[in-house]
Structure formats: C-alpha cells, structure tokens
C-alpha atoms as a PDB file:
ATOM      1  CA  MET A   1     -36.559 -98.821  42.954  1.00  0.00           C
ATOM      2  CA  ASP A   2     -38.097 -95.598  41.718  1.00  0.00           C
ATOM      3  CA  GLN A   3     -35.275 -93.006  41.398  1.00  0.00           C
ATOM      4  CA  THR A   4     -37.334 -90.179  42.875  1.00  0.00           C
ATOM      5  CA  LEU A   5     -38.175 -92.227  45.953  1.00  0.00           C
ATOM      6  CA  LYS A   6     -34.532 -93.306  46.200  1.00  0.00           C
ATOM      7  CA  ARG A   7     -33.377 -89.667  46.223  1.00  0.00           C
ATOM      8  CA  TYR A   8     -35.950 -88.760  48.899  1.00  0.00           C
ATOM      9  CA  ARG A   9     -34.824 -91.661  51.056  1.00  0.00           C
ATOM     10  CA  GLU A  10     -31.161 -90.735  50.640  1.00  0.00           C
ATOM     11  CA  SER A  11     -31.986 -87.212  51.810  1.00  0.00           C
ATOM     12  CA  ILE A  12     -33.898 -88.581  54.795  1.00  0.00           C
ATOM     13  CA  ASP A  13     -30.941 -90.826  55.658  1.00  0.00           C
ATOM     14  CA  ASN A  14     -28.573 -87.845  55.513  1.00  0.00           C
ATOM     15  CA  ILE A  15     -30.864 -85.742  57.683  1.00  0.00           C
ATOM     16  CA  ASP A  16     -31.199 -88.571  60.219  1.00  0.00           C
ATOM     17  CA  ALA A  17     -27.414 -88.891  60.401  1.00  0.00           C
ATOM     18  CA  ALA A  18     -27.083 -85.134  60.927  1.00  0.00           C
ATOM     19  CA  LEU A  19     -29.674 -85.267  63.720  1.00  0.00           C
ATOM     20  CA  VAL A  20     -27.770 -88.023  65.500  1.00  0.00           C
ATOM     21  CA  PHE A  21     -24.488 -86.105  65.288  1.00  0.00           C
ATOM     22  CA  MET A  22     -26.185 -82.873  66.425  1.00  0.00           C
ATOM     23  CA  LEU A  23     -27.722 -84.662  69.416  1.00  0.00           C
ATOM     24  CA  ALA A  24     -24.348 -86.193  70.260  1.00  0.00           C
ATOM     25  CA  GLU A  25     -22.729 -82.753  70.179  1.00  0.00           C
ATOM     26  CA  ARG A  26     -25.535 -81.277  72.274  1.00  0.00           C
ATOM     27  CA  PHE A  27     -25.114 -83.993  74.889  1.00  0.00           C
ATOM     28  CA  LYS A  28     -21.339 -83.408  75.014  1.00  0.00           C
ATOM     29  CA  VAL A  29     -22.010 -79.777  75.890  1.00  0.00           C
ATOM     30  CA  THR A  30     -24.776 -80.550  78.378  1.00  0.00           C
ATOM     31  CA  GLN A  31     -22.473 -83.112  80.019  1.00  0.00           C
ATOM     32  CA  ALA A  32     -19.928 -80.327  80.543  1.00  0.00           C
ATOM     33  CA  VAL A  33     -22.698 -78.112  81.943  1.00  0.00           C
ATOM     34  CA  GLY A  34     -23.699 -80.901  84.324  1.00  0.00           C
ATOM     35  CA  GLU A  35     -20.120 -81.303  85.537  1.00  0.00           C
ATOM     36  CA  TYR A  36     -19.870 -77.545  86.052  1.00  0.00           C
ATOM     37  CA  LYS A  37     -23.144 -77.488  87.981  1.00  0.00           C
ATOM     38  CA  ALA A  38     -22.066 -80.431  90.143  1.00  0.00           C
ATOM     39  CA  THR A  39     -18.703 -78.874  91.057  1.00  0.00           C
ATOM     40  CA  HIS A  40     -20.328 -75.502  91.796  1.00  0.00           C
ATOM     41  CA  ASP A  41     -23.243 -76.988  93.760  1.00  0.00           C
ATOM     42  CA  LEU A  42     -25.834 -75.673  91.305  1.00  0.00           C
ATOM     43  CA  PRO A  43     -29.204 -77.385  90.846  1.00  0.00           C
ATOM     44  CA  PRO A  44     -29.440 -79.890  87.986  1.00  0.00           C
ATOM     45  CA  ALA A  45     -32.555 -78.216  86.545  1.00  0.00           C
ATOM     46  CA  ASP A  46     -33.322 -74.612  85.660  1.00  0.00           C
ATOM     47  CA  PRO A  47     -37.092 -74.479  85.128  1.00  0.00           C
ATOM     48  CA  GLY A  48     -37.056 -70.803  84.083  1.00  0.00           C
ATOM     49  CA  ARG A  49     -34.514 -71.418  81.323  1.00  0.00           C
ATOM     50  CA  GLU A  50     -36.336 -74.554  80.236  1.00  0.00           C
ATOM     51  CA  GLU A  51     -39.593 -72.645  79.827  1.00  0.00           C
ATOM     52  CA  ARG A  52     -37.869 -69.838  77.902  1.00  0.00           C
ATOM     53  CA  GLN A  53     -36.207 -72.380  75.609  1.00  0.00           C
ATOM     54  CA  ILE A  54     -39.479 -74.175  74.986  1.00  0.00           C
ATOM     55  CA  ALA A  55     -41.251 -70.925  74.165  1.00  0.00           C
ATOM     56  CA  ARG A  56     -38.406 -69.897  71.835  1.00  0.00           C
ATOM     57  CA  LEU A  57     -38.342 -73.238  70.044  1.00  0.00           C
ATOM     58  CA  ARG A  58     -42.131 -73.389  69.770  1.00  0.00           C
ATOM     59  CA  GLN A  59     -41.954 -70.062  67.919  1.00  0.00           C
ATOM     60  CA  LEU A  60     -39.153 -71.348  65.701  1.00  0.00           C
ATOM     61  CA  ALA A  61     -41.323 -74.367  64.926  1.00  0.00           C
ATOM     62  CA  VAL A  62     -44.229 -72.130  63.930  1.00  0.00           C
ATOM     63  CA  ASP A  63     -41.885 -70.104  61.720  1.00  0.00           C
ATOM     64  CA  ALA A  64     -40.636 -73.341  60.118  1.00  0.00           C
ATOM     65  CA  ASN A  65     -44.158 -74.737  59.601  1.00  0.00           C
ATOM     66  CA  LEU A  66     -43.471 -77.526  62.092  1.00  0.00           C
ATOM     67  CA  ASP A  67     -45.992 -78.595  64.715  1.00  0.00           C
ATOM     68  CA  PRO A  68     -45.019 -76.692  67.896  1.00  0.00           C
ATOM     69  CA  ASP A  69     -46.581 -79.388  70.102  1.00  0.00           C
ATOM     70  CA  PHE A  70     -44.353 -82.024  68.516  1.00  0.00           C
ATOM     71  CA  THR A  71     -41.358 -79.711  68.926  1.00  0.00           C
ATOM     72  CA  GLU A  72     -42.138 -79.184  72.596  1.00  0.00           C
ATOM     73  CA  LYS A  73     -42.525 -82.928  73.238  1.00  0.00           C
ATOM     74  CA  PHE A  74     -39.211 -83.576  71.487  1.00  0.00           C
ATOM     75  CA  LEU A  75     -37.432 -80.843  73.458  1.00  0.00           C
ATOM     76  CA  ARG A  76     -38.950 -81.943  76.774  1.00  0.00           C
ATOM     77  CA  PHE A  77     -37.705 -85.475  76.113  1.00  0.00           C
ATOM     78  CA  ILE A  78     -34.190 -84.116  75.576  1.00  0.00           C
ATOM     79  CA  ILE A  79     -34.364 -81.799  78.610  1.00  0.00           C
ATOM     80  CA  ASP A  80     -35.552 -84.641  80.845  1.00  0.00           C
ATOM     81  CA  GLU A  81     -32.646 -86.802  79.707  1.00  0.00           C
ATOM     82  CA  VAL A  82     -30.163 -83.983  80.356  1.00  0.00           C
ATOM     83  CA  ILE A  83     -31.568 -83.445  83.854  1.00  0.00           C
ATOM     84  CA  ARG A  84     -31.218 -87.180  84.584  1.00  0.00           C
ATOM     85  CA  HIS A  85     -27.561 -86.958  83.546  1.00  0.00           C
ATOM     86  CA  HIS A  86     -27.025 -83.893  85.736  1.00  0.00           C
ATOM     87  CA  GLU A  87     -28.654 -85.584  88.735  1.00  0.00           C
ATOM     88  CA  ARG A  88     -26.374 -88.612  88.311  1.00  0.00           C
ATOM     89  CA  LEU A  89     -23.325 -86.329  88.283  1.00  0.00           C
ATOM     90  CA  ARG A  90     -24.438 -84.734  91.558  1.00  0.00           C
ATOM     91  CA  GLU A  91     -24.874 -88.150  93.147  1.00  0.00           C
ATOM     92  CA  GLY A  92     -21.638 -89.592  91.988  1.00  0.00           C
END
C-alpha cells in the first residue's frame, strides 16, 4: 500500500476512535442530566437551549471551514437521541 495513503488512513482511524470515545463521554453526561431532570420533574427537552447550541455550533463549523448544514444535521441527530433517552427515564 502507498505509504502516504496508509498514513492518511491511520489518522482517519485515530480520529474515528476519538469521535467514538467523545460521543460515549457526551452520552454519559447527558444520561446524568436525564436522571437529574427525571428526579426533578423537568421536561426532557429544552428547545431554547437546543437552538442556542445549534447556532453556536453552526458558527464554529463556519470558523472551522466545515459545512454548517452538515454540522446541524449531526447535532440534531445527537440531540434527538438524547431526548429519547431522557423520555425513557421519565417513563421508567
């Protein structure tokens, strides 16, 4: 295999691993938030915060030369999953 391509792929593999561990850590924290919300009878979603976060991360994406639409779709996917977890905690 071409050594340059091999190095690129190794970097991609490292970045992918970091993303997985970062998502795992994020979900640990959001799980704790969900438990807190459930025990304090708070709603599972906070649309105002979600919109502020999306706006903030869209700007970060622009600053990083990353497509802000892609960033928003990615974040919305994560937020929706977190809300599903929070709703399950309230039910159970």
